[in-house]
Amino acid sequence: MSTLYNALKKAEERNEKEQRNVNNGPVPQYNKTNKNSVILVLFLLFVFVAVLYIQIVRAKNEKARIAAAKKKKTIALQPVVSPVKIRQPGEYVLEGVIYSSDPTAVINGKVLKAGEKIDNFVVQEITAQSVQLLKTDDNSSVTLKMQ
């Protein structure tokens, strides 16, 4: 009888357990797969935060590097004072050439193109390093070179 009593008691306990599960809803079963999934999600979240942090630090360092480079390139400009050269009458100095499809020369502070006059000379040809002037009186040629 004791075996029959034990079997009935087990059946009753099982029945009560099922009743509790029905009333309280299913009892979640955590198995190894669920634990591994949670660990994987947490690991991926950690990696994402780490990569995001590294990107933020790199961007901050890049901004600091650019700011430092800009500071180094900042130069206090000082006026350039060149000695005034006293020219003799009729002395011409080629001060600069802007060589392009329509070249321009600066002679004694005047901006001239081919065909324009300076005193009794006409600008005949402008090259990258020199200007050829033609004297209107006797058609003699003078070449001014960059100094």
N, C-alpha and C. Protein backbone atom coordinates (compact mmCIF):
# COMPACT_ATOMS: atom_id res chain seq x y z
N MET A 1 0.80 -1.18 0.00
CA MET A 1 0.00 0.00 0.00
C MET A 1 0.86 1.26 0.00
N SER A 2 1.99 1.13 0.57
CA SER A 2 2.86 2.28 0.62
C SER A 2 3.34 2.68 -0.77
N THR A 3 3.51 1.76 -1.67
CA THR A 3 3.91 2.08 -3.03
C THR A 3 2.78 2.79 -3.73
N LEU A 4 1.58 2.32 -3.52
CA LEU A 4 0.42 2.97 -4.13
C LEU A 4 0.22 4.37 -3.56
N TYR A 5 0.45 4.52 -2.28
CA TYR A 5 0.33 5.83 -1.63
C TYR A 5 1.37 6.80 -2.20
N ASN A 6 2.58 6.35 -2.36
CA ASN A 6 3.64 7.21 -2.91
C ASN A 6 3.33 7.61 -4.36
N ALA A 7 2.82 6.72 -5.14
CA ALA A 7 2.48 7.01 -6.53
C ALA A 7 1.37 8.04 -6.59
N LEU A 8 0.35 7.90 -5.73
CA LEU A 8 -0.74 8.88 -5.70
C LEU A 8 -0.24 10.25 -5.24
N LYS A 9 0.63 10.24 -4.27
CA LYS A 9 1.18 11.50 -3.77
C LYS A 9 1.96 12.22 -4.88
N LYS A 10 2.76 11.49 -5.63
CA LYS A 10 3.53 12.07 -6.74
C LYS A 10 2.60 12.62 -7.81
N ALA A 11 1.54 11.87 -8.11
CA ALA A 11 0.58 12.32 -9.12
C ALA A 11 -0.10 13.60 -8.65
N GLU A 12 -0.44 13.67 -7.35
CA GLU A 12 -1.10 14.86 -6.81
C GLU A 12 -0.14 16.06 -6.87
N GLU A 13 1.10 15.85 -6.52
CA GLU A 13 2.09 16.94 -6.56
C GLU A 13 2.29 17.43 -8.01
N ARG A 14 2.32 16.48 -8.92
CA ARG A 14 2.45 16.85 -10.33
C ARG A 14 1.26 17.67 -10.79
N ASN A 15 0.07 17.27 -10.36
CA ASN A 15 -1.16 17.97 -10.72
C ASN A 15 -1.14 19.38 -10.13
N GLU A 16 -0.70 19.53 -8.89
CA GLU A 16 -0.62 20.85 -8.27
C GLU A 16 0.41 21.73 -9.00
N LYS A 17 1.48 21.13 -9.39
CA LYS A 17 2.52 21.87 -10.12
C LYS A 17 1.97 22.38 -11.44
N GLU A 18 1.23 21.55 -12.14
CA GLU A 18 0.64 21.97 -13.42
C GLU A 18 -0.38 23.07 -13.20
N GLN A 19 -1.14 22.98 -12.10
CA GLN A 19 -2.12 24.02 -11.79
C GLN A 19 -1.42 25.36 -11.54
N ARG A 20 -0.33 25.33 -10.80
CA ARG A 20 0.43 26.57 -10.54
C ARG A 20 0.98 27.15 -11.84
N ASN A 21 1.45 26.32 -12.73
CA ASN A 21 1.98 26.79 -14.02
C ASN A 21 0.88 27.41 -14.87
N VAL A 22 -0.32 26.84 -14.83
CA VAL A 22 -1.43 27.37 -15.61
C VAL A 22 -1.87 28.70 -15.03
N ASN A 23 -1.93 28.82 -13.72
CA ASN A 23 -2.39 30.05 -13.07
C ASN A 23 -1.35 31.19 -13.21
N ASN A 24 -0.11 30.87 -13.08
CA ASN A 24 0.95 31.89 -13.11
C ASN A 24 1.57 32.05 -14.49
N GLY A 25 1.12 31.35 -15.44
CA GLY A 25 1.72 31.39 -16.76
C GLY A 25 2.87 30.43 -16.83
N PRO A 26 3.41 30.27 -18.02
CA PRO A 26 4.50 29.30 -18.16
C PRO A 26 5.75 29.78 -17.44
N VAL A 27 6.38 28.87 -16.79
CA VAL A 27 7.63 29.18 -16.13
C VAL A 27 8.72 29.15 -17.20
N PRO A 28 9.43 30.31 -17.35
CA PRO A 28 10.46 30.33 -18.41
C PRO A 28 11.58 29.35 -18.12
N GLN A 29 11.95 28.69 -19.14
CA GLN A 29 13.03 27.73 -19.04
C GLN A 29 14.29 28.36 -19.63
N TYR A 30 15.31 28.60 -18.84
CA TYR A 30 16.56 29.15 -19.33
C TYR A 30 17.51 28.00 -19.58
N ASN A 31 17.83 27.90 -20.81
CA ASN A 31 18.79 26.86 -21.13
C ASN A 31 20.09 27.49 -21.58
N LYS A 32 21.06 26.71 -21.92
CA LYS A 32 22.37 27.21 -22.29
C LYS A 32 22.32 28.09 -23.54
N THR A 33 21.42 27.79 -24.48
CA THR A 33 21.33 28.56 -25.72
C THR A 33 20.90 29.99 -25.42
N ASN A 34 19.93 30.19 -24.55
CA ASN A 34 19.50 31.54 -24.20
C ASN A 34 20.61 32.31 -23.51
N LYS A 35 21.35 31.66 -22.61
CA LYS A 35 22.45 32.32 -21.93
C LYS A 35 23.54 32.72 -22.93
N ASN A 36 23.83 31.86 -23.88
CA ASN A 36 24.84 32.18 -24.89
C ASN A 36 24.40 33.35 -25.76
N SER A 37 23.11 33.40 -26.08
CA SER A 37 22.59 34.51 -26.89
C SER A 37 22.73 35.83 -26.14
N VAL A 38 22.40 35.84 -24.87
CA VAL A 38 22.53 37.06 -24.06
C VAL A 38 23.98 37.49 -23.99
N ILE A 39 24.87 36.54 -23.78
CA ILE A 39 26.30 36.86 -23.72
C ILE A 39 26.78 37.42 -25.06
N LEU A 40 26.33 36.83 -26.15
CA LEU A 40 26.72 37.31 -27.48
C LEU A 40 26.22 38.73 -27.71
N VAL A 41 24.99 39.03 -27.36
CA VAL A 41 24.43 40.38 -27.54
C VAL A 41 25.20 41.38 -26.69
N LEU A 42 25.51 41.02 -25.45
CA LEU A 42 26.29 41.92 -24.59
C LEU A 42 27.69 42.17 -25.15
N PHE A 43 28.32 41.11 -25.66
CA PHE A 43 29.64 41.26 -26.26
C PHE A 43 29.60 42.19 -27.47
N LEU A 44 28.61 42.00 -28.35
CA LEU A 44 28.48 42.86 -29.54
C LEU A 44 28.21 44.31 -29.14
N LEU A 45 27.42 44.51 -28.11
CA LEU A 45 27.16 45.86 -27.62
C LEU A 45 28.44 46.50 -27.10
N PHE A 46 29.25 45.73 -26.38
CA PHE A 46 30.53 46.22 -25.89
C PHE A 46 31.45 46.61 -27.04
N VAL A 47 31.53 45.76 -28.07
CA VAL A 47 32.38 46.05 -29.23
C VAL A 47 31.90 47.33 -29.92
N PHE A 48 30.60 47.48 -30.09
CA PHE A 48 30.05 48.67 -30.74
C PHE A 48 30.42 49.93 -29.97
N VAL A 49 30.27 49.90 -28.65
CA VAL A 49 30.61 51.07 -27.82
C VAL A 49 32.10 51.35 -27.90
N ALA A 50 32.93 50.33 -27.90
CA ALA A 50 34.38 50.51 -27.98
C ALA A 50 34.78 51.15 -29.31
N VAL A 51 34.20 50.68 -30.42
CA VAL A 51 34.51 51.25 -31.73
C VAL A 51 34.03 52.69 -31.81
N LEU A 52 32.86 52.97 -31.29
CA LEU A 52 32.34 54.34 -31.27
C LEU A 52 33.25 55.25 -30.47
N TYR A 53 33.71 54.79 -29.32
CA TYR A 53 34.62 55.58 -28.50
C TYR A 53 35.93 55.86 -29.25
N ILE A 54 36.47 54.87 -29.90
CA ILE A 54 37.72 55.05 -30.66
C ILE A 54 37.53 56.08 -31.77
N GLN A 55 36.40 56.03 -32.47
CA GLN A 55 36.14 56.99 -33.53
C GLN A 55 36.04 58.41 -32.98
N ILE A 56 35.40 58.56 -31.84
CA ILE A 56 35.27 59.89 -31.23
C ILE A 56 36.64 60.42 -30.83
N VAL A 57 37.46 59.57 -30.23
CA VAL A 57 38.80 59.99 -29.82
C VAL A 57 39.64 60.37 -31.05
N ARG A 58 39.55 59.58 -32.11
CA ARG A 58 40.30 59.90 -33.34
C ARG A 58 39.86 61.23 -33.92
N ALA A 59 38.56 61.48 -33.95
CA ALA A 59 38.05 62.74 -34.50
C ALA A 59 38.54 63.91 -33.66
N LYS A 60 38.54 63.75 -32.35
CA LYS A 60 39.00 64.81 -31.47
C LYS A 60 40.49 65.07 -31.69
N ASN A 61 41.28 64.00 -31.82
CA ASN A 61 42.71 64.15 -32.07
C ASN A 61 42.98 64.81 -33.42
N GLU A 62 42.19 64.46 -34.43
CA GLU A 62 42.36 65.05 -35.76
C GLU A 62 42.07 66.54 -35.71
N LYS A 63 41.01 66.94 -34.99
CA LYS A 63 40.70 68.37 -34.86
C LYS A 63 41.83 69.10 -34.16
N ALA A 64 42.38 68.49 -33.13
CA ALA A 64 43.49 69.11 -32.40
C ALA A 64 44.73 69.23 -33.30
N ARG A 65 44.98 68.20 -34.11
CA ARG A 65 46.13 68.23 -35.02
C ARG A 65 45.97 69.32 -36.05
N ILE A 66 44.76 69.47 -36.60
CA ILE A 66 44.50 70.51 -37.60
C ILE A 66 44.65 71.89 -36.98
N ALA A 67 44.14 72.06 -35.76
CA ALA A 67 44.26 73.35 -35.09
C ALA A 67 45.72 73.70 -34.84
N ALA A 68 46.52 72.70 -34.44
CA ALA A 68 47.94 72.93 -34.20
C ALA A 68 48.65 73.29 -35.50
N ALA A 69 48.28 72.60 -36.59
CA ALA A 69 48.91 72.90 -37.88
C ALA A 69 48.55 74.31 -38.33
N LYS A 70 47.32 74.72 -38.11
CA LYS A 70 46.92 76.08 -38.48
C LYS A 70 47.69 77.11 -37.67
N LYS A 71 47.91 76.82 -36.38
CA LYS A 71 48.67 77.75 -35.55
C LYS A 71 50.10 77.88 -36.05
N LYS A 72 50.69 76.76 -36.46
CA LYS A 72 52.06 76.80 -36.96
C LYS A 72 52.17 77.58 -38.25
N LYS A 73 51.13 77.51 -39.10
CA LYS A 73 51.17 78.20 -40.38
C LYS A 73 50.85 79.68 -40.26
N THR A 74 50.34 80.10 -39.12
CA THR A 74 50.03 81.50 -38.93
C THR A 74 51.33 82.26 -38.79
N ILE A 75 51.52 83.21 -39.65
CA ILE A 75 52.75 83.99 -39.67
C ILE A 75 52.37 85.46 -39.55
N ALA A 76 53.04 86.14 -38.68
CA ALA A 76 52.82 87.58 -38.57
C ALA A 76 53.50 88.25 -39.76
N LEU A 77 52.70 88.84 -40.59
CA LEU A 77 53.25 89.50 -41.78
C LEU A 77 53.81 90.86 -41.40
N GLN A 78 54.99 91.10 -41.85
CA GLN A 78 55.62 92.39 -41.60
C GLN A 78 55.82 93.07 -42.95
N PRO A 79 55.63 94.36 -42.98
CA PRO A 79 55.80 95.05 -44.26
C PRO A 79 57.24 94.92 -44.75
N VAL A 80 57.36 94.67 -46.02
CA VAL A 80 58.67 94.57 -46.64
C VAL A 80 59.08 95.95 -47.12
N VAL A 81 60.17 96.40 -46.59
CA VAL A 81 60.67 97.72 -46.97
C VAL A 81 61.89 97.50 -47.83
N SER A 82 61.73 97.86 -49.08
CA SER A 82 62.88 97.73 -49.97
C SER A 82 63.49 99.11 -50.15
N PRO A 83 64.79 99.12 -50.28
CA PRO A 83 65.43 100.42 -50.45
C PRO A 83 64.97 101.07 -51.75
N VAL A 84 64.74 102.35 -51.68
CA VAL A 84 64.30 103.08 -52.86
C VAL A 84 65.51 103.29 -53.76
N LYS A 85 65.36 102.82 -54.96
CA LYS A 85 66.44 102.95 -55.92
C LYS A 85 66.15 104.18 -56.78
N ILE A 86 67.09 105.07 -56.80
CA ILE A 86 66.91 106.28 -57.60
C ILE A 86 67.35 105.95 -59.02
N ARG A 87 66.42 106.14 -59.95
CA ARG A 87 66.69 105.81 -61.34
C ARG A 87 67.12 107.07 -62.10
N GLN A 88 67.99 106.82 -63.00
CA GLN A 88 68.40 107.90 -63.90
C GLN A 88 67.31 108.09 -64.95
N PRO A 89 67.13 109.24 -65.50
CA PRO A 89 66.15 109.42 -66.57
C PRO A 89 66.45 108.47 -67.72
N GLY A 90 65.43 107.80 -68.19
CA GLY A 90 65.59 106.87 -69.29
C GLY A 90 66.00 105.47 -68.85
N GLU A 91 66.15 105.23 -67.55
CA GLU A 91 66.51 103.91 -67.05
C GLU A 91 65.21 103.14 -66.78
N TYR A 92 65.12 101.94 -67.33
CA TYR A 92 63.91 101.14 -67.19
C TYR A 92 64.24 99.85 -66.45
N VAL A 93 63.37 99.50 -65.49
CA VAL A 93 63.58 98.30 -64.69
C VAL A 93 62.33 97.43 -64.81
N LEU A 94 62.55 96.17 -65.21
CA LEU A 94 61.46 95.20 -65.28
C LEU A 94 61.24 94.67 -63.86
N GLU A 95 60.09 95.02 -63.27
CA GLU A 95 59.80 94.65 -61.88
C GLU A 95 59.00 93.35 -61.77
N GLY A 96 58.29 92.97 -62.84
CA GLY A 96 57.53 91.74 -62.77
C GLY A 96 56.87 91.41 -64.09
N VAL A 97 56.54 90.13 -64.26
CA VAL A 97 55.87 89.66 -65.47
C VAL A 97 54.73 88.73 -65.04
N ILE A 98 53.56 88.96 -65.59
CA ILE A 98 52.44 88.03 -65.42
C ILE A 98 52.30 87.37 -66.77
N TYR A 99 52.80 86.13 -66.85
CA TYR A 99 52.85 85.45 -68.13
C TYR A 99 51.66 84.52 -68.27
N SER A 100 50.76 84.87 -69.17
CA SER A 100 49.56 84.05 -69.42
C SER A 100 49.23 84.17 -70.90
N SER A 101 47.97 83.90 -71.26
CA SER A 101 47.59 84.03 -72.67
C SER A 101 47.67 85.50 -73.11
N ASP A 102 47.51 86.42 -72.16
CA ASP A 102 47.64 87.85 -72.44
C ASP A 102 48.67 88.41 -71.45
N PRO A 103 49.99 88.25 -71.75
CA PRO A 103 51.02 88.61 -70.78
C PRO A 103 51.04 90.10 -70.45
N THR A 104 51.46 90.37 -69.22
CA THR A 104 51.53 91.74 -68.72
C THR A 104 52.88 91.92 -68.04
N ALA A 105 53.46 93.12 -68.17
CA ALA A 105 54.74 93.41 -67.54
C ALA A 105 54.61 94.66 -66.68
N VAL A 106 55.38 94.69 -65.61
CA VAL A 106 55.44 95.87 -64.75
C VAL A 106 56.82 96.48 -64.93
N ILE A 107 56.84 97.65 -65.53
CA ILE A 107 58.11 98.36 -65.79
C ILE A 107 58.02 99.71 -65.08
N ASN A 108 58.98 99.96 -64.18
CA ASN A 108 59.02 101.19 -63.40
C ASN A 108 57.67 101.49 -62.73
N GLY A 109 56.99 100.46 -62.26
CA GLY A 109 55.73 100.64 -61.55
C GLY A 109 54.51 100.77 -62.44
N LYS A 110 54.70 100.70 -63.75
CA LYS A 110 53.57 100.81 -64.68
C LYS A 110 53.25 99.44 -65.25
N VAL A 111 51.95 99.11 -65.31
CA VAL A 111 51.51 97.82 -65.84
C VAL A 111 51.26 98.00 -67.33
N LEU A 112 51.98 97.21 -68.14
CA LEU A 112 51.93 97.37 -69.60
C LEU A 112 51.70 96.03 -70.29
N LYS A 113 51.03 96.09 -71.43
CA LYS A 113 50.84 94.93 -72.29
C LYS A 113 51.55 95.20 -73.61
N ALA A 114 51.68 94.14 -74.42
CA ALA A 114 52.33 94.30 -75.72
C ALA A 114 51.59 95.36 -76.54
N GLY A 115 52.37 96.29 -77.13
CA GLY A 115 51.80 97.35 -77.97
C GLY A 115 51.60 98.66 -77.22
N GLU A 116 51.70 98.66 -75.91
CA GLU A 116 51.52 99.90 -75.13
C GLU A 116 52.84 100.64 -75.02
N LYS A 117 52.73 101.94 -74.77
CA LYS A 117 53.91 102.82 -74.73
C LYS A 117 54.32 103.17 -73.31
N ILE A 118 55.64 103.32 -73.16
CA ILE A 118 56.21 103.90 -71.95
C ILE A 118 57.28 104.88 -72.43
N ASP A 119 57.08 106.14 -72.17
CA ASP A 119 57.92 107.23 -72.68
C ASP A 119 58.05 107.10 -74.20
N ASN A 120 59.28 106.99 -74.70
CA ASN A 120 59.45 106.88 -76.15
C ASN A 120 59.74 105.44 -76.58
N PHE A 121 59.23 104.46 -75.81
CA PHE A 121 59.38 103.05 -76.14
C PHE A 121 58.00 102.40 -76.25
N VAL A 122 57.92 101.37 -77.09
CA VAL A 122 56.71 100.56 -77.23
C VAL A 122 57.08 99.14 -76.82
N VAL A 123 56.21 98.52 -76.01
CA VAL A 123 56.43 97.13 -75.59
C VAL A 123 56.19 96.24 -76.79
N GLN A 124 57.25 95.58 -77.24
CA GLN A 124 57.14 94.75 -78.43
C GLN A 124 56.79 93.30 -78.09
N GLU A 125 57.49 92.73 -77.11
CA GLU A 125 57.26 91.32 -76.78
C GLU A 125 57.47 91.11 -75.28
N ILE A 126 56.60 90.27 -74.67
CA ILE A 126 56.74 89.93 -73.26
C ILE A 126 56.90 88.42 -73.16
N THR A 127 58.02 88.00 -72.55
CA THR A 127 58.24 86.57 -72.30
C THR A 127 58.18 86.35 -70.78
N ALA A 128 58.38 85.13 -70.36
CA ALA A 128 58.28 84.81 -68.93
C ALA A 128 59.36 85.51 -68.11
N GLN A 129 60.54 85.78 -68.69
CA GLN A 129 61.65 86.36 -67.95
C GLN A 129 62.15 87.69 -68.49
N SER A 130 61.56 88.15 -69.59
CA SER A 130 62.08 89.40 -70.16
C SER A 130 61.00 90.15 -70.95
N VAL A 131 61.33 91.40 -71.27
CA VAL A 131 60.45 92.24 -72.08
C VAL A 131 61.33 92.94 -73.11
N GLN A 132 60.84 92.94 -74.35
CA GLN A 132 61.59 93.62 -75.40
C GLN A 132 60.87 94.92 -75.72
N LEU A 133 61.64 96.05 -75.66
CA LEU A 133 61.10 97.38 -75.96
C LEU A 133 61.67 97.86 -77.28
N LEU A 134 60.85 98.56 -78.04
CA LEU A 134 61.27 99.11 -79.33
C LEU A 134 61.23 100.63 -79.22
N LYS A 135 62.38 101.28 -79.46
CA LYS A 135 62.45 102.73 -79.37
C LYS A 135 61.77 103.32 -80.60
N THR A 136 60.87 104.26 -80.39
CA THR A 136 60.09 104.80 -81.50
C THR A 136 60.92 105.73 -82.39
N ASP A 137 61.97 106.33 -81.86
CA ASP A 137 62.78 107.28 -82.65
C ASP A 137 63.56 106.59 -83.76
N ASP A 138 64.33 105.59 -83.39
CA ASP A 138 65.23 104.97 -84.37
C ASP A 138 65.01 103.47 -84.54
N ASN A 139 63.92 102.92 -84.02
CA ASN A 139 63.57 101.50 -84.12
C ASN A 139 64.65 100.58 -83.52
N SER A 140 65.40 101.09 -82.55
CA SER A 140 66.37 100.23 -81.87
C SER A 140 65.63 99.44 -80.79
N SER A 141 66.19 98.29 -80.43
CA SER A 141 65.54 97.39 -79.51
C SER A 141 66.32 97.32 -78.21
N VAL A 142 65.56 97.29 -77.08
CA VAL A 142 66.16 97.15 -75.75
C VAL A 142 65.45 95.99 -75.07
N THR A 143 66.22 95.08 -74.46
CA THR A 143 65.63 93.95 -73.75
C THR A 143 65.84 94.14 -72.26
N LEU A 144 64.75 94.10 -71.51
CA LEU A 144 64.81 94.17 -70.04
C LEU A 144 64.62 92.76 -69.50
N LYS A 145 65.49 92.37 -68.57
CA LYS A 145 65.40 91.03 -67.98
C LYS A 145 65.08 91.15 -66.50
N MET A 146 64.42 90.08 -65.98
CA MET A 146 64.11 90.03 -64.55
C MET A 146 65.40 89.98 -63.76
N GLN A 147 65.45 90.69 -62.64
CA GLN A 147 66.66 90.70 -61.82
C GLN A 147 66.51 89.77 -60.67
